[in-house]
């Protein structure tokens, strides 16, 4: 049986989100006047890896995305992503309000 690349199996909406994320990173690089060559030097990644990042590749390790964000000065954005858990907060509020009756 052939080994499946489970990291490449995403729903279309998830692929679209990653594609937009990669594009946003590319735009951030360009806004800063950085080149791909400079980003390669600062991250230690080869151009092929950076192209996968900017394409929103699902097989790219999350640490790779984080390192690119750090070079762009955006690592705090990464830390804030999970902190804004709207669904979790709503569920917690429902539970808390339900317990006060």
Protein backbone atom coordinates (compact mmCIF):
# COMPACT_ATOMS: atom_id res chain seq x y z
CA UNK A 1 0.00 0.00 0.00
CA UNK A 2 1.34 3.42 -0.94
CA UNK A 3 2.08 5.88 1.81
CA UNK A 4 -0.31 8.82 1.79
CA UNK A 5 0.87 12.35 2.41
CA UNK A 6 -1.66 13.20 5.10
CA UNK A 7 -0.26 16.71 5.50
CA UNK A 8 -1.35 17.45 1.94
CA UNK A 9 -4.96 16.41 2.55
CA UNK A 10 -6.90 19.57 3.29
CA UNK A 11 -10.38 20.76 2.55
CA UNK A 12 -10.62 23.40 -0.19
CA UNK A 13 -11.41 26.14 2.33
CA UNK A 14 -8.28 25.25 4.33
CA UNK A 15 -6.14 25.28 1.17
CA UNK A 16 -7.53 28.72 0.32
CA UNK A 17 -6.70 30.04 3.80
CA UNK A 18 -3.12 28.79 3.49
CA UNK A 19 -2.80 30.28 0.02
CA UNK A 20 -3.93 33.69 1.33
CA UNK A 21 -1.56 33.35 4.29
CA UNK A 22 1.39 32.66 2.01
CA UNK A 23 0.42 35.57 -0.21
CA UNK A 24 0.17 37.85 2.84
CA UNK A 25 3.70 36.84 3.85
CA UNK A 26 4.95 37.57 0.33
CA UNK A 27 3.32 41.00 0.42
CA UNK A 28 4.82 41.68 3.86
CA UNK A 29 8.25 40.82 2.49
CA UNK A 30 7.78 43.17 -0.45
CA UNK A 31 6.44 45.98 1.76
CA UNK A 32 9.65 45.82 3.75
CA UNK A 33 11.75 45.98 0.60
CA UNK A 34 13.17 42.50 1.23
CA UNK A 35 14.12 40.17 -1.58
CA UNK A 36 13.71 36.42 -1.58
CA UNK A 37 17.49 36.16 -1.58
CA UNK A 38 17.71 38.25 1.59
CA UNK A 39 14.97 36.19 3.24
CA UNK A 40 16.83 33.00 2.30
CA UNK A 41 19.99 34.35 3.92
CA UNK A 42 18.20 35.41 7.10
CA UNK A 43 16.11 32.26 7.52
CA UNK A 44 18.62 29.73 6.23
CA UNK A 45 15.99 28.27 3.89
CA UNK A 46 16.53 27.60 0.22
CA UNK A 47 14.47 29.42 -2.44
CA UNK A 48 12.37 26.32 -3.09
CA UNK A 49 11.21 26.27 0.55
CA UNK A 50 10.38 29.98 0.50
CA UNK A 51 8.37 29.48 -2.68
CA UNK A 52 6.35 26.81 -0.88
CA UNK A 53 5.80 29.20 2.05
CA UNK A 54 4.58 31.96 -0.26
CA UNK A 55 2.33 29.48 -2.05
CA UNK A 56 0.83 28.41 1.27
CA UNK A 57 2.08 24.87 0.94
CA UNK A 58 0.33 22.47 3.35
CA UNK A 59 3.49 20.36 3.68
CA UNK A 60 5.53 23.27 5.04
CA UNK A 61 6.34 22.87 8.74
CA UNK A 62 4.69 25.38 11.04
CA UNK A 63 8.13 26.30 12.36
CA UNK A 64 9.13 27.33 8.86
CA UNK A 65 6.20 29.73 8.65
CA UNK A 66 7.09 31.06 12.11
CA UNK A 67 10.73 31.66 11.19
CA UNK A 68 9.71 33.62 8.08
CA UNK A 69 7.31 35.66 10.21
CA UNK A 70 10.09 36.32 12.73
CA UNK A 71 12.43 37.67 10.04
CA UNK A 72 9.58 39.91 8.89
CA UNK A 73 9.01 41.07 12.49
CA UNK A 74 5.60 39.41 12.61
CA UNK A 75 6.13 36.60 15.14
CA UNK A 76 3.82 38.29 17.66
CA UNK A 77 1.00 37.94 15.13
CA UNK A 78 1.59 34.19 15.25
CA UNK A 79 1.28 34.12 19.03
CA UNK A 80 -1.98 36.06 18.89
CA UNK A 81 -3.73 33.74 16.43
CA UNK A 82 -4.87 31.13 18.94
CA UNK A 83 -5.41 33.71 21.67
CA UNK A 84 -8.47 35.06 19.85
CA UNK A 85 -10.63 31.99 20.45
CA UNK A 86 -14.10 33.42 19.86
CA UNK A 87 -15.82 30.02 19.76
CA UNK A 88 -14.11 28.85 22.95
CA UNK A 89 -15.03 32.05 24.76
CA UNK A 90 -18.68 31.75 23.67
CA UNK A 91 -18.80 28.13 24.83
CA UNK A 92 -17.27 29.10 28.16
CA UNK A 93 -19.74 31.95 28.59
CA UNK A 94 -22.69 29.64 27.85
CA UNK A 95 -21.41 27.20 30.45
CA UNK A 96 -20.85 29.96 33.01
CA UNK A 97 -24.27 31.49 32.43
CA UNK A 98 -25.95 28.09 32.54
CA UNK A 99 -24.39 27.39 35.94
CA UNK A 100 -25.71 30.62 37.49
CA UNK A 101 -29.43 29.72 37.25
